[in-house]
Amino acid sequence: MYSLVEENYLKALFALSKDIGSVSVNDLSKHLDIKMPTVTSMMKKMAAKKLVAYESYKPLKLTEKGKKEAALIIRKHRLTEMYLVEKMGFGWEEVHNIAEQIEHIKSPELFTKMDELLDYPKFDPHGAPIPDINGEMEWKAYSKLSECKAGEKVRMAAVINTSDGFLEFLNSREIRLGLKIKIMSVEPFDNTMVVRYKKHDQESLSHTVCERLLVEKV
């Protein structure tokens, strides 16, 4: 069993090292808004538990044990988000903070039951993969909407940014996972896209928004 603080460190390390496999103490310190000496002290403790590979002045790396433990915490978070949306009627913009609290519950049976009641979902309400009971997850190679061209048809698969404000913006435009979108035009000057979907024939989306939407071609 690990403390709430250790679990939050594991999640942060997992997220920050996802692309390159490692993260600096400085970047971890900034991400968590915790002073570097405190982070360094915690890394030494977690290294003693075989969760992190730590050497002075070198990037941090999660061990295989650390990766699995981090994935299992993420599993609890994402299953909770899915349960709140699918079974309790919460909006996808409402569930993150609740899941942040529930993910630290030390009851594997609770999350196994959630998984069963949800019929073993592979992805959470924001399109992120849900790790299985072994910490494995199914990654898919999506494209950003901003990378697509006029005339293409795509399906909304995931969102990169899950802040409440961004999700509320998507709600206001009736943009949801699974939505089929046709790209009508792309403005050369600032890459604003005009798209068509459902009852929206000429919806303008800024480059910033399109960078945060992951899609697959249909």
C-alpha atoms as a PDB file:
ATOM      1  CA  MET A   1       0.000   0.000   0.000  1.00  0.00           C
ATOM      2  CA  TYR A   2       1.190   3.479  -0.790  1.00  0.00           C
ATOM      3  CA  SER A   3       0.304   6.861   0.675  1.00  0.00           C
ATOM      4  CA  LEU A   4      -1.863   9.396  -1.156  1.00  0.00           C
ATOM      5  CA  VAL A   5       1.247  11.527  -1.715  1.00  0.00           C
ATOM      6  CA  GLU A   6       3.200   8.613  -3.196  1.00  0.00           C
ATOM      7  CA  GLU A   7       0.302   7.780  -5.498  1.00  0.00           C
ATOM      8  CA  ASN A   8       0.169  11.364  -6.749  1.00  0.00           C
ATOM      9  CA  TYR A   9       3.912  11.244  -7.465  1.00  0.00           C
ATOM     10  CA  LEU A  10       3.464   7.987  -9.371  1.00  0.00           C
ATOM     11  CA  LYS A  11       0.695   9.472 -11.515  1.00  0.00           C
ATOM     12  CA  ALA A  12       2.750  12.583 -12.251  1.00  0.00           C
ATOM     13  CA  LEU A  13       5.822  10.556 -13.189  1.00  0.00           C
ATOM     14  CA  PHE A  14       3.735   8.340 -15.460  1.00  0.00           C
ATOM     15  CA  ALA A  15       2.168  11.317 -17.258  1.00  0.00           C
ATOM     16  CA  LEU A  16       5.364  13.334 -17.644  1.00  0.00           C
ATOM     17  CA  SER A  17       7.532  10.433 -18.815  1.00  0.00           C
ATOM     18  CA  LYS A  18       4.977   8.907 -21.198  1.00  0.00           C
ATOM     19  CA  ASP A  19       6.632  10.167 -24.383  1.00  0.00           C
ATOM     20  CA  ILE A  20      10.372   9.965 -23.623  1.00  0.00           C
ATOM     21  CA  GLY A  21      10.455   7.501 -20.732  1.00  0.00           C
ATOM     22  CA  SER A  22      12.030   9.850 -18.201  1.00  0.00           C
ATOM     23  CA  VAL A  23      11.502  13.191 -16.466  1.00  0.00           C
ATOM     24  CA  SER A  24      13.783  15.646 -14.678  1.00  0.00           C
ATOM     25  CA  VAL A  25      13.404  16.415 -10.981  1.00  0.00           C
ATOM     26  CA  ASN A  26      12.904  20.048 -11.961  1.00  0.00           C
ATOM     27  CA  ASP A  27       9.995  19.274 -14.316  1.00  0.00           C
ATOM     28  CA  LEU A  28       8.378  17.025 -11.704  1.00  0.00           C
ATOM     29  CA  SER A  29       8.800  19.780  -9.107  1.00  0.00           C
ATOM     30  CA  LYS A  30       7.109  22.339 -11.370  1.00  0.00           C
ATOM     31  CA  HIS A  31       4.297  19.973 -12.331  1.00  0.00           C
ATOM     32  CA  LEU A  32       3.421  19.180  -8.714  1.00  0.00           C
ATOM     33  CA  ASP A  33       4.260  22.699  -7.445  1.00  0.00           C
ATOM     34  CA  ILE A  34       6.501  21.192  -4.771  1.00  0.00           C
ATOM     35  CA  LYS A  35      10.010  22.415  -3.914  1.00  0.00           C
ATOM     36  CA  MET A  36      12.871  20.432  -5.433  1.00  0.00           C
ATOM     37  CA  PRO A  37      14.464  19.291  -2.135  1.00  0.00           C
ATOM     38  CA  THR A  38      11.114  17.805  -1.094  1.00  0.00           C
ATOM     39  CA  VAL A  39      10.761  16.048  -4.460  1.00  0.00           C
ATOM     40  CA  THR A  40      14.306  14.710  -4.250  1.00  0.00           C
ATOM     41  CA  SER A  41      13.681  13.368  -0.767  1.00  0.00           C
ATOM     42  CA  MET A  42      10.517  11.596  -1.945  1.00  0.00           C
ATOM     43  CA  MET A  43      12.316  10.124  -4.962  1.00  0.00           C
ATOM     44  CA  LYS A  44      14.901   8.571  -2.661  1.00  0.00           C
ATOM     45  CA  LYS A  45      12.122   7.003  -0.573  1.00  0.00           C
ATOM     46  CA  MET A  46      10.337   5.715  -3.669  1.00  0.00           C
ATOM     47  CA  ALA A  47      13.597   4.377  -5.075  1.00  0.00           C
ATOM     48  CA  ALA A  48      14.013   2.362  -1.873  1.00  0.00           C
ATOM     49  CA  LYS A  49      10.603   0.828  -2.628  1.00  0.00           C
ATOM     50  CA  LYS A  50      11.757  -0.050  -6.165  1.00  0.00           C
ATOM     51  CA  LEU A  51       9.213   2.298  -7.752  1.00  0.00           C
ATOM     52  CA  VAL A  52      11.650   4.775  -9.289  1.00  0.00           C
ATOM     53  CA  ALA A  53      15.176   4.579 -10.707  1.00  0.00           C
ATOM     54  CA  TYR A  54      16.914   7.525  -9.046  1.00  0.00           C
ATOM     55  CA  GLU A  55      20.470   8.823  -9.424  1.00  0.00           C
ATOM     56  CA  SER A  56      21.666  12.325  -8.514  1.00  0.00           C
ATOM     57  CA  TYR A  57      21.591  14.774 -11.439  1.00  0.00           C
ATOM     58  CA  LYS A  58      20.045  12.220 -13.787  1.00  0.00           C
ATOM     59  CA  PRO A  59      16.488  11.970 -15.173  1.00  0.00           C
ATOM     60  CA  LEU A  60      13.974   9.967 -13.178  1.00  0.00           C
ATOM     61  CA  LYS A  61      12.514   6.772 -14.578  1.00  0.00           C
ATOM     62  CA  LEU A  62       9.691   4.628 -13.293  1.00  0.00           C
ATOM     63  CA  THR A  63      10.665   1.005 -12.774  1.00  0.00           C
ATOM     64  CA  GLU A  64       8.426  -1.705 -14.219  1.00  0.00           C
ATOM     65  CA  LYS A  65       6.902  -2.009 -10.758  1.00  0.00           C
ATOM     66  CA  GLY A  66       6.384   1.754 -10.636  1.00  0.00           C
ATOM     67  CA  LYS A  67       4.765   1.817 -14.077  1.00  0.00           C
ATOM     68  CA  LYS A  68       2.309  -0.903 -13.090  1.00  0.00           C
ATOM     69  CA  GLU A  69       1.404   0.779  -9.794  1.00  0.00           C
ATOM     70  CA  ALA A  70       0.898   4.117 -11.571  1.00  0.00           C
ATOM     71  CA  ALA A  71      -1.286   2.471 -14.226  1.00  0.00           C
ATOM     72  CA  LEU A  72      -3.456   0.838 -11.545  1.00  0.00           C
ATOM     73  CA  ILE A  73      -4.074   4.231  -9.909  1.00  0.00           C
ATOM     74  CA  ILE A  74      -4.970   5.677 -13.309  1.00  0.00           C
ATOM     75  CA  ARG A  75      -7.280   2.675 -13.820  1.00  0.00           C
ATOM     76  CA  LYS A  76      -9.208   3.560 -10.662  1.00  0.00           C
ATOM     77  CA  HIS A  77      -9.453   7.205 -11.719  1.00  0.00           C
ATOM     78  CA  ARG A  78     -10.703   6.518 -15.231  1.00  0.00           C
ATOM     79  CA  LEU A  79     -13.108   3.766 -14.200  1.00  0.00           C
ATOM     80  CA  THR A  80     -14.568   6.160 -11.643  1.00  0.00           C
ATOM     81  CA  GLU A  81     -15.004   8.870 -14.277  1.00  0.00           C
ATOM     82  CA  MET A  82     -16.743   6.404 -16.573  1.00  0.00           C
ATOM     83  CA  TYR A  83     -19.005   5.162 -13.787  1.00  0.00           C
ATOM     84  CA  LEU A  84     -19.984   8.706 -12.813  1.00  0.00           C
ATOM     85  CA  VAL A  85     -20.905   9.535 -16.407  1.00  0.00           C
ATOM     86  CA  GLU A  86     -22.526   6.269 -17.488  1.00  0.00           C
ATOM     87  CA  LYS A  87     -24.289   5.188 -14.290  1.00  0.00           C
ATOM     88  CA  MET A  88     -24.823   8.402 -12.329  1.00  0.00           C
ATOM     89  CA  GLY A  89     -25.505  10.948 -15.052  1.00  0.00           C
ATOM     90  CA  PHE A  90     -22.625  13.344 -14.416  1.00  0.00           C
ATOM     91  CA  GLY A  91     -21.296  15.438 -17.292  1.00  0.00           C
ATOM     92  CA  TRP A  92     -17.798  14.682 -18.571  1.00  0.00           C
ATOM     93  CA  GLU A  93     -16.755  18.120 -17.298  1.00  0.00           C
ATOM     94  CA  GLU A  94     -17.834  17.278 -13.729  1.00  0.00           C
ATOM     95  CA  VAL A  95     -16.029  14.050 -12.937  1.00  0.00           C
ATOM     96  CA  HIS A  96     -12.283  14.731 -12.687  1.00  0.00           C
ATOM     97  CA  ASN A  97     -12.173  16.205  -9.177  1.00  0.00           C
ATOM     98  CA  ILE A  98     -14.466  13.501  -7.796  1.00  0.00           C
ATOM     99  CA  ALA A  99     -12.325  10.773  -9.355  1.00  0.00           C
ATOM    100  CA  GLU A 100      -9.200  12.389  -7.876  1.00  0.00           C
ATOM    101  CA  GLN A 101     -10.611  11.612  -4.434  1.00  0.00           C
ATOM    102  CA  ILE A 102     -12.019   8.161  -5.137  1.00  0.00           C
ATOM    103  CA  GLU A 103      -8.874   6.851  -6.875  1.00  0.00           C
ATOM    104  CA  HIS A 104      -7.090   6.610  -3.509  1.00  0.00           C
ATOM    105  CA  ILE A 105      -9.602   4.143  -2.012  1.00  0.00           C
ATOM    106  CA  LYS A 106      -7.825   0.887  -1.120  1.00  0.00           C
ATOM    107  CA  SER A 107     -10.506  -1.523  -2.279  1.00  0.00           C
ATOM    108  CA  PRO A 108      -9.765  -3.524  -5.445  1.00  0.00           C
ATOM    109  CA  GLU A 109     -13.200  -5.146  -5.149  1.00  0.00           C
ATOM    110  CA  LEU A 110     -14.931  -1.773  -5.580  1.00  0.00           C
ATOM    111  CA  PHE A 111     -13.200  -1.049  -8.865  1.00  0.00           C
ATOM    112  CA  THR A 112     -13.576  -4.617 -10.103  1.00  0.00           C
ATOM    113  CA  LYS A 113     -17.328  -4.255  -9.566  1.00  0.00           C
ATOM    114  CA  MET A 114     -17.348  -0.882 -11.345  1.00  0.00           C
ATOM    115  CA  ASP A 115     -15.554  -2.484 -14.294  1.00  0.00           C
ATOM    116  CA  GLU A 116     -18.094  -5.315 -14.388  1.00  0.00           C
ATOM    117  CA  LEU A 117     -21.114  -2.994 -14.202  1.00  0.00           C
ATOM    118  CA  LEU A 118     -19.688  -0.897 -17.037  1.00  0.00           C
ATOM    119  CA  ASP A 119     -19.097  -4.039 -19.159  1.00  0.00           C
ATOM    120  CA  TYR A 120     -15.304  -3.640 -19.094  1.00  0.00           C
ATOM    121  CA  PRO A 121     -14.797  -0.354 -20.967  1.00  0.00           C
ATOM    122  CA  LYS A 122     -11.484   0.244 -22.769  1.00  0.00           C
ATOM    123  CA  PHE A 123     -11.707   4.061 -22.702  1.00  0.00           C
ATOM    124  CA  ASP A 124     -12.900   6.721 -20.256  1.00  0.00           C
ATOM    125  CA  PRO A 125     -15.419   9.532 -20.998  1.00  0.00           C
ATOM    126  CA  HIS A 126     -12.644  11.686 -22.486  1.00  0.00           C
ATOM    127  CA  GLY A 127     -11.329   8.935 -24.773  1.00  0.00           C
ATOM    128  CA  ALA A 128      -8.276   8.048 -22.651  1.00  0.00           C
ATOM    129  CA  PRO A 129      -7.437   4.321 -22.355  1.00  0.00           C
ATOM    130  CA  ILE A 130      -8.398   2.539 -19.126  1.00  0.00           C
ATOM    131  CA  PRO A 131      -5.659   0.171 -17.890  1.00  0.00           C
ATOM    132  CA  ASP A 132      -6.763  -3.400 -17.195  1.00  0.00           C
ATOM    133  CA  ILE A 133      -6.201  -5.228 -13.896  1.00  0.00           C
ATOM    134  CA  ASN A 134      -2.587  -5.905 -14.940  1.00  0.00           C
ATOM    135  CA  GLY A 135      -1.889  -2.255 -15.687  1.00  0.00           C
ATOM    136  CA  GLU A 136      -1.933  -2.782 -19.463  1.00  0.00           C
ATOM    137  CA  MET A 137      -3.800  -0.353 -21.680  1.00  0.00           C
ATOM    138  CA  GLU A 138      -4.828  -0.172 -25.313  1.00  0.00           C
ATOM    139  CA  TRP A 139      -3.216   2.788 -27.076  1.00  0.00           C
ATOM    140  CA  LYS A 140      -4.607   4.058 -30.372  1.00  0.00           C
ATOM    141  CA  ALA A 141      -2.829   6.300 -32.858  1.00  0.00           C
ATOM    142  CA  TYR A 142      -5.194   9.210 -33.334  1.00  0.00           C
ATOM    143  CA  SER A 143      -4.582  12.419 -35.283  1.00  0.00           C
ATOM    144  CA  LYS A 144      -5.189  15.924 -34.044  1.00  0.00           C
ATOM    145  CA  LEU A 145      -8.075  17.651 -35.822  1.00  0.00           C
ATOM    146  CA  SER A 146      -5.614  20.458 -36.588  1.00  0.00           C
ATOM    147  CA  GLU A 147      -3.607  18.030 -38.755  1.00  0.00           C
ATOM    148  CA  CYS A 148      -6.556  17.227 -41.023  1.00  0.00           C
ATOM    149  CA  LYS A 149      -7.379  18.835 -44.356  1.00  0.00           C
ATOM    150  CA  ALA A 150     -10.435  20.369 -45.993  1.00  0.00           C
ATOM    151  CA  GLY A 151     -12.783  17.738 -47.389  1.00  0.00           C
ATOM    152  CA  GLU A 152     -11.838  15.017 -44.895  1.00  0.00           C
ATOM    153  CA  LYS A 153     -14.394  13.296 -42.678  1.00  0.00           C
ATOM    154  CA  VAL A 154     -13.380  12.277 -39.171  1.00  0.00           C
ATOM    155  CA  ARG A 155     -14.825  10.929 -35.943  1.00  0.00           C
ATOM    156  CA  MET A 156     -14.130  12.523 -32.558  1.00  0.00           C
ATOM    157  CA  ALA A 157     -12.179   9.974 -30.499  1.00  0.00           C
ATOM    158  CA  ALA A 158     -10.619  11.789 -27.523  1.00  0.00           C
ATOM    159  CA  VAL A 159      -9.721  15.136 -26.018  1.00  0.00           C
ATOM    160  CA  ILE A 160      -6.206  16.108 -24.955  1.00  0.00           C
ATOM    161  CA  ASN A 161      -7.237  18.858 -22.541  1.00  0.00           C
ATOM    162  CA  THR A 162      -9.863  17.842 -19.974  1.00  0.00           C
ATOM    163  CA  SER A 163     -10.151  21.102 -18.047  1.00  0.00           C
ATOM    164  CA  ASP A 164     -13.675  22.006 -17.001  1.00  0.00           C
ATOM    165  CA  GLY A 165     -13.586  25.177 -19.096  1.00  0.00           C
ATOM    166  CA  PHE A 166     -12.598  23.379 -22.293  1.00  0.00           C
ATOM    167  CA  LEU A 167     -15.157  20.615 -21.829  1.00  0.00           C
ATOM    168  CA  GLU A 168     -17.852  23.204 -21.141  1.00  0.00           C
ATOM    169  CA  PHE A 169     -16.831  24.955 -24.370  1.00  0.00           C
ATOM    170  CA  LEU A 170     -17.257  21.659 -26.254  1.00  0.00           C
ATOM    171  CA  ASN A 171     -20.649  21.179 -24.585  1.00  0.00           C
ATOM    172  CA  SER A 172     -21.728  24.610 -25.822  1.00  0.00           C
ATOM    173  CA  ARG A 173     -20.839  23.532 -29.384  1.00  0.00           C
ATOM    174  CA  GLU A 174     -22.465  20.081 -28.957  1.00  0.00           C
ATOM    175  CA  ILE A 175     -19.118  18.370 -29.599  1.00  0.00           C
ATOM    176  CA  ARG A 176     -18.929  14.871 -28.101  1.00  0.00           C
ATOM    177  CA  LEU A 177     -16.936  11.671 -28.482  1.00  0.00           C
ATOM    178  CA  GLY A 178     -18.135   9.678 -31.476  1.00  0.00           C
ATOM    179  CA  LEU A 179     -19.271  12.799 -33.336  1.00  0.00           C
ATOM    180  CA  LYS A 180     -18.731  12.670 -37.113  1.00  0.00           C
ATOM    181  CA  ILE A 181     -17.239  15.876 -38.474  1.00  0.00           C
ATOM    182  CA  LYS A 182     -16.625  17.083 -42.034  1.00  0.00           C
ATOM    183  CA  ILE A 183     -13.904  19.690 -42.511  1.00  0.00           C
ATOM    184  CA  MET A 184     -15.265  22.318 -44.868  1.00  0.00           C
ATOM    185  CA  SER A 185     -12.276  24.691 -45.020  1.00  0.00           C
ATOM    186  CA  VAL A 186      -9.066  25.711 -43.269  1.00  0.00           C
ATOM    187  CA  GLU A 187      -8.127  29.392 -42.991  1.00  0.00           C
ATOM    188  CA  PRO A 188      -4.488  29.767 -44.227  1.00  0.00           C
ATOM    189  CA  PHE A 189      -3.723  32.745 -41.977  1.00  0.00           C
ATOM    190  CA  ASP A 190      -4.451  31.234 -38.536  1.00  0.00           C
ATOM    191  CA  ASN A 191      -5.576  27.654 -39.331  1.00  0.00           C
ATOM    192  CA  THR A 192      -9.112  28.244 -38.083  1.00  0.00           C
ATOM    193  CA  MET A 193     -11.317  25.410 -39.298  1.00  0.00           C
ATOM    194  CA  VAL A 194     -14.878  25.609 -40.543  1.00  0.00           C
ATOM    195  CA  VAL A 195     -16.548  22.260 -39.913  1.00  0.00           C
ATOM    196  CA  ARG A 196     -19.950  20.628 -40.361  1.00  0.00           C
ATOM    197  CA  TYR A 197     -21.648  18.194 -37.980  1.00  0.00           C
ATOM    198  CA  LYS A 198     -25.212  17.441 -36.935  1.00  0.00           C
ATOM    199  CA  LYS A 199     -27.169  20.719 -37.152  1.00  0.00           C
ATOM    200  CA  HIS A 200     -24.013  22.819 -37.326  1.00  0.00           C
ATOM    201  CA  ASP A 201     -23.331  23.607 -40.976  1.00  0.00           C
ATOM    202  CA  GLN A 202     -20.658  26.289 -40.561  1.00  0.00           C
ATOM    203  CA  GLU A 203     -19.035  25.982 -37.127  1.00  0.00           C
ATOM    204  CA  SER A 204     -15.689  27.790 -36.750  1.00  0.00           C
ATOM    205  CA  LEU A 205     -13.096  26.183 -34.480  1.00  0.00           C
ATOM    206  CA  SER A 206      -9.845  27.921 -33.593  1.00  0.00           C
ATOM    207  CA  HIS A 207      -6.457  26.257 -34.072  1.00  0.00           C
ATOM    208  CA  THR A 208      -6.139  26.048 -30.276  1.00  0.00           C
ATOM    209  CA  VAL A 209      -9.346  24.011 -30.057  1.00  0.00           C
ATOM    210  CA  CYS A 210      -8.425  21.788 -33.027  1.00  0.00           C
ATOM    211  CA  GLU A 211      -5.048  21.010 -31.415  1.00  0.00           C
ATOM    212  CA  ARG A 212      -6.885  19.535 -28.433  1.00  0.00           C
ATOM    213  CA  LEU A 213      -9.265  17.250 -30.328  1.00  0.00           C
ATOM    214  CA  LEU A 214      -8.111  13.763 -31.340  1.00  0.00           C
ATOM    215  CA  VAL A 215      -9.869  12.162 -34.285  1.00  0.00           C
ATOM    216  CA  GLU A 216      -9.803   9.156 -36.587  1.00  0.00           C
ATOM    217  CA  LYS A 217     -10.744   9.176 -40.249  1.00  0.00           C
ATOM    218  CA  VAL A 218     -14.032   7.646 -41.367  1.00  0.00           C
END
